[in-house]
Amino acid sequence: MTDAHDIAGLGALVTGGASGIGAAVARLLTARGARVAVLDRDTTGAPDGTLALTADVTDDDAVRRAVDRAAAAFGGLHTVVSNAGIGAVGTVADNDDGEWRHVLDVNLLGMVRVARHALPHLRTAAADRPGAVSITHTCSIAATAGLPQRALYSASKGAVLALTLAMAADHVREGIRVNCVNPGTADTPWIGRLLDEADDPAAERAALAARQPTGRLVSPDEVAAAIAYLASPAAAAVTGTALAVDGGMQGLRVRPPA
């Protein structure tokens, strides 16, 4: 008998699921018995046991086809993890209009497109598995804390936080929960590339670790655990919530080490 709080048998779609946080989420959901589809531009790193779907979240038709294919393969869709995103570095003076449009197209409108096409499937699933139907967005500490050299990225994630709250209000009575996770600086391929480009990668890594009260970067697996909770029926009463996985970065003000 399946526990009411379990995700076994649920159909899940994870965007950006072939690397970093997305791959960690796909692995964890699969290990816990969900049927998982990974939507990514390059699915080479899609975890074993997942359905790999090649699509770009900036392409509405490609997103629709991928979402429909996942729902058809699993006989329904219960949870969507909208994780696909890109970074940007600089102040408002450093990123031109083209880059602003591109980052917002991926980080914000990408989530809109995925939700738009997933909602019909989620509404159907909500009638069969109350509390088990959800959308979880990967947001960021950048949505709630001012970080230097992240104006564009922060703006995109601030919009994701607002979108999460609005969607939660729109769909709560349809039985669809909408939440987000706000990771701190996570040890992902994007951070790895930033470190590689730094003049002193070791010093830059130390600085990124030091700004989190725990003194270290967040791991993709730690973020995945939070997402798996929000996606599971165990979180049936949780909607419109931003769950920080940031090593205390947002709320704590600790004294510097002696």
C-alpha atoms as a PDB file:
ATOM      1  CA  MET A   1       0.000   0.000   0.000  1.00  0.00           C
ATOM      2  CA  THR A   2       1.344   3.439  -0.962  1.00  0.00           C
ATOM      3  CA  ASP A   3       1.793   5.873   1.906  1.00  0.00           C
ATOM      4  CA  ALA A   4      -0.354   8.983   1.480  1.00  0.00           C
ATOM      5  CA  HIS A   5       2.765  11.118   1.841  1.00  0.00           C
ATOM      6  CA  ASP A   6       4.799   9.190  -0.724  1.00  0.00           C
ATOM      7  CA  ILE A   7       5.620  10.288  -4.258  1.00  0.00           C
ATOM      8  CA  ALA A   8       5.839   6.747  -5.622  1.00  0.00           C
ATOM      9  CA  GLY A   9       4.014   6.481  -8.909  1.00  0.00           C
ATOM     10  CA  LEU A  10       3.615  10.206  -9.450  1.00  0.00           C
ATOM     11  CA  GLY A  11       4.396  11.615 -12.883  1.00  0.00           C
ATOM     12  CA  ALA A  12       6.973  14.406 -12.638  1.00  0.00           C
ATOM     13  CA  LEU A  13       8.565  16.816 -15.083  1.00  0.00           C
ATOM     14  CA  VAL A  14      11.858  18.550 -14.232  1.00  0.00           C
ATOM     15  CA  THR A  15      13.099  21.325 -16.512  1.00  0.00           C
ATOM     16  CA  GLY A  16      16.829  21.907 -16.671  1.00  0.00           C
ATOM     17  CA  GLY A  17      17.051  18.388 -15.294  1.00  0.00           C
ATOM     18  CA  ALA A  18      20.222  17.221 -17.022  1.00  0.00           C
ATOM     19  CA  SER A  19      22.710  19.014 -14.766  1.00  0.00           C
ATOM     20  CA  GLY A  20      23.185  20.739 -11.420  1.00  0.00           C
ATOM     21  CA  ILE A  21      20.159  21.157  -9.161  1.00  0.00           C
ATOM     22  CA  GLY A  22      17.772  19.811 -11.795  1.00  0.00           C
ATOM     23  CA  ALA A  23      19.690  16.551 -12.182  1.00  0.00           C
ATOM     24  CA  ALA A  24      19.823  16.156  -8.401  1.00  0.00           C
ATOM     25  CA  VAL A  25      16.047  16.627  -8.238  1.00  0.00           C
ATOM     26  CA  ALA A  26      15.438  14.128 -11.044  1.00  0.00           C
ATOM     27  CA  ARG A  27      17.657  11.537  -9.358  1.00  0.00           C
ATOM     28  CA  LEU A  28      15.970  11.955  -5.984  1.00  0.00           C
ATOM     29  CA  LEU A  29      12.416  11.825  -7.331  1.00  0.00           C
ATOM     30  CA  THR A  30      13.306   8.745  -9.367  1.00  0.00           C
ATOM     31  CA  ALA A  31      14.878   7.061  -6.326  1.00  0.00           C
ATOM     32  CA  ARG A  32      11.687   7.712  -4.366  1.00  0.00           C
ATOM     33  CA  GLY A  33       9.566   6.009  -6.995  1.00  0.00           C
ATOM     34  CA  ALA A  34       8.299   8.860  -9.166  1.00  0.00           C
ATOM     35  CA  ARG A  35       8.236   8.564 -12.933  1.00  0.00           C
ATOM     36  CA  VAL A  36      10.399  11.459 -14.056  1.00  0.00           C
ATOM     37  CA  ALA A  37      10.791  13.271 -17.355  1.00  0.00           C
ATOM     38  CA  VAL A  38      13.748  15.602 -17.851  1.00  0.00           C
ATOM     39  CA  LEU A  39      13.265  18.557 -20.182  1.00  0.00           C
ATOM     40  CA  ASP A  40      16.506  20.211 -21.227  1.00  0.00           C
ATOM     41  CA  ARG A  41      18.231  21.728 -24.240  1.00  0.00           C
ATOM     42  CA  ASP A  42      20.901  19.035 -23.928  1.00  0.00           C
ATOM     43  CA  THR A  43      19.744  15.855 -22.188  1.00  0.00           C
ATOM     44  CA  THR A  44      23.163  14.171 -22.222  1.00  0.00           C
ATOM     45  CA  GLY A  45      23.356  14.264 -18.427  1.00  0.00           C
ATOM     46  CA  ALA A  46      19.778  13.167 -17.760  1.00  0.00           C
ATOM     47  CA  PRO A  47      19.856  10.698 -14.836  1.00  0.00           C
ATOM     48  CA  ASP A  48      19.338   6.998 -15.479  1.00  0.00           C
ATOM     49  CA  GLY A  49      15.725   5.921 -15.393  1.00  0.00           C
ATOM     50  CA  THR A  50      14.325   9.262 -16.556  1.00  0.00           C
ATOM     51  CA  LEU A  51      12.537  10.111 -19.785  1.00  0.00           C
ATOM     52  CA  ALA A  52      14.768  12.547 -21.657  1.00  0.00           C
ATOM     53  CA  LEU A  53      12.927  15.247 -23.602  1.00  0.00           C
ATOM     54  CA  THR A  54      14.921  17.730 -25.666  1.00  0.00           C
ATOM     55  CA  ALA A  55      13.352  21.194 -25.658  1.00  0.00           C
ATOM     56  CA  ASP A  56      14.245  24.835 -25.102  1.00  0.00           C
ATOM     57  CA  VAL A  57      12.002  26.648 -22.626  1.00  0.00           C
ATOM     58  CA  THR A  58      12.054  29.721 -24.897  1.00  0.00           C
ATOM     59  CA  ASP A  59      10.230  27.703 -27.600  1.00  0.00           C
ATOM     60  CA  ASP A  60       6.534  27.509 -26.727  1.00  0.00           C
ATOM     61  CA  ASP A  61       5.697  24.759 -29.226  1.00  0.00           C
ATOM     62  CA  ALA A  62       8.633  22.625 -28.092  1.00  0.00           C
ATOM     63  CA  VAL A  63       7.584  23.035 -24.459  1.00  0.00           C
ATOM     64  CA  ARG A  64       3.997  22.038 -25.259  1.00  0.00           C
ATOM     65  CA  ARG A  65       5.120  18.921 -27.115  1.00  0.00           C
ATOM     66  CA  ALA A  66       7.480  17.883 -24.320  1.00  0.00           C
ATOM     67  CA  VAL A  67       4.892  18.409 -21.572  1.00  0.00           C
ATOM     68  CA  ASP A  68       2.247  16.486 -23.495  1.00  0.00           C
ATOM     69  CA  ARG A  69       4.698  13.670 -24.210  1.00  0.00           C
ATOM     70  CA  ALA A  70       5.575  13.349 -20.511  1.00  0.00           C
ATOM     71  CA  ALA A  71       1.905  13.270 -19.519  1.00  0.00           C
ATOM     72  CA  ALA A  72       1.136  10.663 -22.171  1.00  0.00           C
ATOM     73  CA  ALA A  73       4.092   8.472 -21.158  1.00  0.00           C
ATOM     74  CA  PHE A  74       3.145   8.533 -17.473  1.00  0.00           C
ATOM     75  CA  GLY A  75      -0.617   8.492 -17.847  1.00  0.00           C
ATOM     76  CA  GLY A  76      -0.786  11.894 -16.212  1.00  0.00           C
ATOM     77  CA  LEU A  77       1.328  14.608 -14.669  1.00  0.00           C
ATOM     78  CA  HIS A  78       1.302  15.337 -10.943  1.00  0.00           C
ATOM     79  CA  THR A  79       4.262  17.579 -10.277  1.00  0.00           C
ATOM     80  CA  VAL A  80       6.329  20.067 -12.247  1.00  0.00           C
ATOM     81  CA  VAL A  81       9.711  21.324 -11.106  1.00  0.00           C
ATOM     82  CA  SER A  82      10.525  24.427 -13.135  1.00  0.00           C
ATOM     83  CA  ASN A  83      14.254  24.657 -12.667  1.00  0.00           C
ATOM     84  CA  ALA A  84      15.684  25.710 -16.048  1.00  0.00           C
ATOM     85  CA  GLY A  85      17.515  29.004 -15.797  1.00  0.00           C
ATOM     86  CA  ILE A  86      20.623  30.939 -16.711  1.00  0.00           C
ATOM     87  CA  GLY A  87      22.818  33.408 -14.888  1.00  0.00           C
ATOM     88  CA  ALA A  88      23.981  36.934 -15.568  1.00  0.00           C
ATOM     89  CA  VAL A  89      26.731  39.060 -14.067  1.00  0.00           C
ATOM     90  CA  GLY A  90      26.874  42.827 -13.821  1.00  0.00           C
ATOM     91  CA  THR A  91      25.205  46.037 -12.705  1.00  0.00           C
ATOM     92  CA  VAL A  92      22.325  47.602 -14.640  1.00  0.00           C
ATOM     93  CA  ALA A  93      24.945  49.368 -16.766  1.00  0.00           C
ATOM     94  CA  ASP A  94      26.639  46.140 -17.845  1.00  0.00           C
ATOM     95  CA  ASN A  95      23.898  44.073 -19.531  1.00  0.00           C
ATOM     96  CA  ASP A  96      22.376  45.344 -22.766  1.00  0.00           C
ATOM     97  CA  ASP A  97      18.700  45.107 -23.690  1.00  0.00           C
ATOM     98  CA  GLY A  98      19.269  41.906 -25.643  1.00  0.00           C
ATOM     99  CA  GLU A  99      20.714  40.128 -22.630  1.00  0.00           C
ATOM    100  CA  TRP A 100      17.909  41.407 -20.401  1.00  0.00           C
ATOM    101  CA  ARG A 101      15.333  40.023 -22.825  1.00  0.00           C
ATOM    102  CA  HIS A 102      17.120  36.687 -23.113  1.00  0.00           C
ATOM    103  CA  VAL A 103      17.554  36.099 -19.371  1.00  0.00           C
ATOM    104  CA  LEU A 104      13.942  37.057 -18.636  1.00  0.00           C
ATOM    105  CA  ASP A 105      12.800  34.857 -21.534  1.00  0.00           C
ATOM    106  CA  VAL A 106      14.529  31.840 -19.987  1.00  0.00           C
ATOM    107  CA  ASN A 107      14.219  32.472 -16.253  1.00  0.00           C
ATOM    108  CA  LEU A 108      10.696  33.908 -16.130  1.00  0.00           C
ATOM    109  CA  LEU A 109       8.802  33.260 -19.352  1.00  0.00           C
ATOM    110  CA  GLY A 110      10.259  29.748 -19.504  1.00  0.00           C
ATOM    111  CA  MET A 111       8.415  28.970 -16.277  1.00  0.00           C
ATOM    112  CA  VAL A 112       5.249  30.593 -17.622  1.00  0.00           C
ATOM    113  CA  ARG A 113       5.338  28.433 -20.754  1.00  0.00           C
ATOM    114  CA  VAL A 114       5.882  25.223 -18.801  1.00  0.00           C
ATOM    115  CA  ALA A 115       3.056  26.016 -16.376  1.00  0.00           C
ATOM    116  CA  ARG A 116       0.690  27.070 -19.163  1.00  0.00           C
ATOM    117  CA  HIS A 117       0.984  23.700 -20.880  1.00  0.00           C
ATOM    118  CA  ALA A 118       1.160  21.626 -17.706  1.00  0.00           C
ATOM    119  CA  LEU A 119      -1.940  23.088 -16.033  1.00  0.00           C
ATOM    120  CA  PRO A 120      -4.536  21.040 -17.974  1.00  0.00           C
ATOM    121  CA  HIS A 121      -2.736  17.828 -16.979  1.00  0.00           C
ATOM    122  CA  LEU A 122      -2.291  18.979 -13.375  1.00  0.00           C
ATOM    123  CA  ARG A 123      -5.983  19.842 -13.042  1.00  0.00           C
ATOM    124  CA  THR A 124      -6.915  16.335 -14.151  1.00  0.00           C
ATOM    125  CA  ALA A 125      -4.433  14.778 -11.717  1.00  0.00           C
ATOM    126  CA  ALA A 126      -5.643  16.912  -8.802  1.00  0.00           C
ATOM    127  CA  ALA A 127      -9.023  15.204  -8.902  1.00  0.00           C
ATOM    128  CA  ASP A 128      -7.382  11.803  -8.368  1.00  0.00           C
ATOM    129  CA  ARG A 129      -4.580  12.629  -5.905  1.00  0.00           C
ATOM    130  CA  PRO A 130      -5.551  15.536  -3.628  1.00  0.00           C
ATOM    131  CA  GLY A 131      -2.477  17.216  -2.166  1.00  0.00           C
ATOM    132  CA  ALA A 132      -0.145  15.438  -4.567  1.00  0.00           C
ATOM    133  CA  VAL A 133      -0.274  17.978  -7.398  1.00  0.00           C
ATOM    134  CA  SER A 134       2.203  20.828  -7.434  1.00  0.00           C
ATOM    135  CA  ILE A 135       4.461  23.223  -9.279  1.00  0.00           C
ATOM    136  CA  THR A 136       7.791  24.112  -7.681  1.00  0.00           C
ATOM    137  CA  HIS A 137       9.968  26.901  -9.057  1.00  0.00           C
ATOM    138  CA  THR A 138      13.695  27.173  -8.484  1.00  0.00           C
ATOM    139  CA  CYS A 139      14.053  30.784  -7.372  1.00  0.00           C
ATOM    140  CA  SER A 140      17.088  32.233  -5.539  1.00  0.00           C
ATOM    141  CA  ILE A 141      18.389  34.119  -2.533  1.00  0.00           C
ATOM    142  CA  ALA A 142      18.846  36.875  -5.133  1.00  0.00           C
ATOM    143  CA  ALA A 143      15.069  37.451  -5.017  1.00  0.00           C
ATOM    144  CA  THR A 144      15.178  38.577  -1.388  1.00  0.00           C
ATOM    145  CA  ALA A 145      18.707  39.857  -0.746  1.00  0.00           C
ATOM    146  CA  GLY A 146      20.700  42.482  -2.614  1.00  0.00           C
ATOM    147  CA  LEU A 147      23.762  40.840  -4.155  1.00  0.00           C
ATOM    148  CA  PRO A 148      26.490  42.795  -5.956  1.00  0.00           C
ATOM    149  CA  GLN A 149      26.930  42.333  -9.700  1.00  0.00           C
ATOM    150  CA  ARG A 150      23.623  40.461 -10.090  1.00  0.00           C
ATOM    151  CA  ALA A 151      21.111  43.150 -11.173  1.00  0.00           C
ATOM    152  CA  LEU A 152      19.627  41.265 -14.120  1.00  0.00           C
ATOM    153  CA  TYR A 153      19.703  37.864 -12.465  1.00  0.00           C
ATOM    154  CA  SER A 154      18.145  39.266  -9.283  1.00  0.00           C
ATOM    155  CA  ALA A 155      15.379  40.984 -11.234  1.00  0.00           C
ATOM    156  CA  SER A 156      14.513  37.740 -12.994  1.00  0.00           C
ATOM    157  CA  LYS A 157      14.370  35.805  -9.731  1.00  0.00           C
ATOM    158  CA  GLY A 158      12.383  38.521  -7.982  1.00  0.00           C
ATOM    159  CA  ALA A 159       9.827  38.109 -10.750  1.00  0.00           C
ATOM    160  CA  VAL A 160       9.829  34.331 -10.170  1.00  0.00           C
ATOM    161  CA  LEU A 161       9.026  34.878  -6.487  1.00  0.00           C
ATOM    162  CA  ALA A 162       6.114  37.185  -7.364  1.00  0.00           C
ATOM    163  CA  LEU A 163       4.925  34.733 -10.025  1.00  0.00           C
ATOM    164  CA  THR A 164       4.971  31.911  -7.480  1.00  0.00           C
ATOM    165  CA  LEU A 165       2.721  33.805  -5.071  1.00  0.00           C
ATOM    166  CA  ALA A 166       0.299  34.870  -7.804  1.00  0.00           C
ATOM    167  CA  MET A 167       0.045  31.358  -9.227  1.00  0.00           C
ATOM    168  CA  ALA A 168      -0.489  29.896  -5.765  1.00  0.00           C
ATOM    169  CA  ALA A 169      -3.479  32.203  -5.324  1.00  0.00           C
ATOM    170  CA  ASP A 170      -4.830  31.445  -8.788  1.00  0.00           C
ATOM    171  CA  HIS A 171      -4.717  27.665  -8.502  1.00  0.00           C
ATOM    172  CA  VAL A 172      -5.171  26.811  -4.820  1.00  0.00           C
ATOM    173  CA  ARG A 173      -8.859  25.967  -5.278  1.00  0.00           C
ATOM    174  CA  GLU A 174      -8.018  23.732  -8.208  1.00  0.00           C
ATOM    175  CA  GLY A 175      -5.932  21.576  -5.881  1.00  0.00           C
ATOM    176  CA  ILE A 176      -2.619  22.706  -7.395  1.00  0.00           C
ATOM    177  CA  ARG A 177       0.028  23.897  -4.957  1.00  0.00           C
ATOM    178  CA  VAL A 178       2.668  26.371  -6.153  1.00  0.00           C
ATOM    179  CA  ASN A 179       5.862  27.021  -4.183  1.00  0.00           C
ATOM    180  CA  CYS A 180       9.487  27.926  -4.772  1.00  0.00           C
ATOM    181  CA  VAL A 181      12.865  27.214  -3.243  1.00  0.00           C
ATOM    182  CA  ASN A 182      15.402  29.994  -2.719  1.00  0.00           C
ATOM    183  CA  PRO A 183      18.877  28.447  -2.816  1.00  0.00           C
ATOM    184  CA  GLY A 184      21.882  30.367  -1.590  1.00  0.00           C
ATOM    185  CA  THR A 185      25.084  30.067  -3.588  1.00  0.00           C
ATOM    186  CA  ALA A 186      24.998  26.463  -4.745  1.00  0.00           C
ATOM    187  CA  ASP A 187      27.896  24.393  -6.009  1.00  0.00           C
ATOM    188  CA  THR A 188      26.582  24.088  -9.558  1.00  0.00           C
ATOM    189  CA  PRO A 189      28.193  24.101 -13.017  1.00  0.00           C
ATOM    190  CA  TRP A 190      27.310  27.803 -13.430  1.00  0.00           C
ATOM    191  CA  ILE A 191      29.179  28.734 -10.257  1.00  0.00           C
ATOM    192  CA  GLY A 192      32.014  26.508 -11.423  1.00  0.00           C
ATOM    193  CA  ARG A 193      32.272  28.481 -14.654  1.00  0.00           C
ATOM    194  CA  LEU A 194      32.268  31.786 -12.759  1.00  0.00           C
ATOM    195  CA  LEU A 195      35.069  30.521 -10.551  1.00  0.00           C
ATOM    196  CA  ASP A 196      37.071  29.375 -13.560  1.00  0.00           C
ATOM    197  CA  GLU A 197      36.875  32.899 -14.980  1.00  0.00           C
ATOM    198  CA  ALA A 198      37.962  34.588 -11.733  1.00  0.00           C
ATOM    199  CA  ASP A 199      41.487  35.967 -11.339  1.00  0.00           C
ATOM    200  CA  ASP A 200      41.889  33.872  -8.177  1.00  0.00           C
ATOM    201  CA  PRO A 201      39.343  30.993  -8.225  1.00  0.00           C
ATOM    202  CA  ALA A 202      40.296  29.740  -4.761  1.00  0.00           C
ATOM    203  CA  ALA A 203      39.866  33.169  -3.189  1.00  0.00           C
ATOM    204  CA  GLU A 204      36.570  33.711  -5.001  1.00  0.00           C
ATOM    205  CA  ARG A 205      35.239  30.337  -3.814  1.00  0.00           C
ATOM    206  CA  ALA A 206      36.266  31.208  -0.252  1.00  0.00           C
ATOM    207  CA  ALA A 207      34.449  34.548  -0.508  1.00  0.00           C
ATOM    208  CA  LEU A 208      31.262  32.903  -1.801  1.00  0.00           C
ATOM    209  CA  ALA A 209      31.387  30.324   0.985  1.00  0.00           C
ATOM    210  CA  ALA A 210      32.049  32.946   3.663  1.00  0.00           C
ATOM    211  CA  ARG A 211      28.966  35.029   2.854  1.00  0.00           C
ATOM    212  CA  GLN A 212      26.758  32.124   3.954  1.00  0.00           C
ATOM    213  CA  PRO A 213      26.621  31.718   7.760  1.00  0.00           C
ATOM    214  CA  THR A 214      27.282  27.992   7.470  1.00  0.00           C
ATOM    215  CA  GLY A 215      30.599  28.883   5.822  1.00  0.00           C
ATOM    216  CA  ARG A 216      30.134  26.695   2.763  1.00  0.00           C
ATOM    217  CA  LEU A 217      28.277  26.488  -0.532  1.00  0.00           C
ATOM    218  CA  VAL A 218      24.894  24.779  -0.694  1.00  0.00           C
ATOM    219  CA  SER A 219      24.925  21.392  -2.432  1.00  0.00           C
ATOM    220  CA  PRO A 220      22.521  20.517  -5.262  1.00  0.00           C
ATOM    221  CA  ASP A 221      21.366  17.502  -3.229  1.00  0.00           C
ATOM    222  CA  GLU A 222      20.341  19.786  -0.349  1.00  0.00           C
ATOM    223  CA  VAL A 223      18.214  21.892  -2.685  1.00  0.00           C
ATOM    224  CA  ALA A 224      16.780  18.737  -4.252  1.00  0.00           C
ATOM    225  CA  ALA A 225      15.671  17.475  -0.834  1.00  0.00           C
ATOM    226  CA  ALA A 226      13.700  20.680  -0.253  1.00  0.00           C
ATOM    227  CA  ILE A 227      12.108  20.480  -3.694  1.00  0.00           C
ATOM    228  CA  ALA A 228      11.185  16.826  -3.168  1.00  0.00           C
ATOM    229  CA  TYR A 229       9.422  17.778   0.051  1.00  0.00           C
ATOM    230  CA  LEU A 230       7.445  20.580  -1.624  1.00  0.00           C
ATOM    231  CA  ALA A 231       6.531  18.234  -4.488  1.00  0.00           C
ATOM    232  CA  SER A 232       5.343  15.468  -2.192  1.00  0.00           C
ATOM    233  CA  PRO A 233       1.916  14.929  -0.602  1.00  0.00           C
ATOM    234  CA  ALA A 234       3.681  15.480   2.742  1.00  0.00           C
ATOM    235  CA  ALA A 235       3.497  19.181   1.856  1.00  0.00           C
ATOM    236  CA  ALA A 236      -0.236  19.067   1.091  1.00  0.00           C
ATOM    237  CA  ALA A 237      -0.855  22.138   3.275  1.00  0.00           C
ATOM    238  CA  VAL A 238       2.060  24.123   1.817  1.00  0.00           C
ATOM    239  CA  THR A 239       1.390  26.583  -0.992  1.00  0.00           C
ATOM    240  CA  GLY A 240       2.578  30.097  -1.747  1.00  0.00           C
ATOM    241  CA  THR A 241       5.770  29.420   0.207  1.00  0.00           C
ATOM    242  CA  ALA A 242       9.371  30.348  -0.561  1.00  0.00           C
ATOM    243  CA  LEU A 243      11.608  27.802   1.178  1.00  0.00           C
ATOM    244  CA  ALA A 244      15.122  29.142   1.727  1.00  0.00           C
ATOM    245  CA  VAL A 245      17.981  26.662   1.345  1.00  0.00           C
ATOM    246  CA  ASP A 246      20.711  29.205   1.818  1.00  0.00           C
ATOM    247  CA  GLY A 247      22.860  28.304   4.791  1.00  0.00           C
ATOM    248  CA  GLY A 248      21.175  31.078   6.792  1.00  0.00           C
ATOM    249  CA  MET A 249      22.170  33.793   4.328  1.00  0.00           C
ATOM    250  CA  GLN A 250      18.828  35.576   4.216  1.00  0.00           C
ATOM    251  CA  GLY A 251      17.868  35.679   7.885  1.00  0.00           C
ATOM    252  CA  LEU A 252      21.008  35.396  10.007  1.00  0.00           C
ATOM    253  CA  ARG A 253      23.445  38.135  10.962  1.00  0.00           C
ATOM    254  CA  VAL A 254      26.327  36.330  12.633  1.00  0.00           C
ATOM    255  CA  ARG A 255      29.517  37.877  13.930  1.00  0.00           C
ATOM    256  CA  PRO A 256      32.590  37.339  11.761  1.00  0.00           C
ATOM    257  CA  PRO A 257      34.958  34.644  12.998  1.00  0.00           C
ATOM    258  CA  ALA A 258      37.552  35.835  15.464  1.00  0.00           C
END
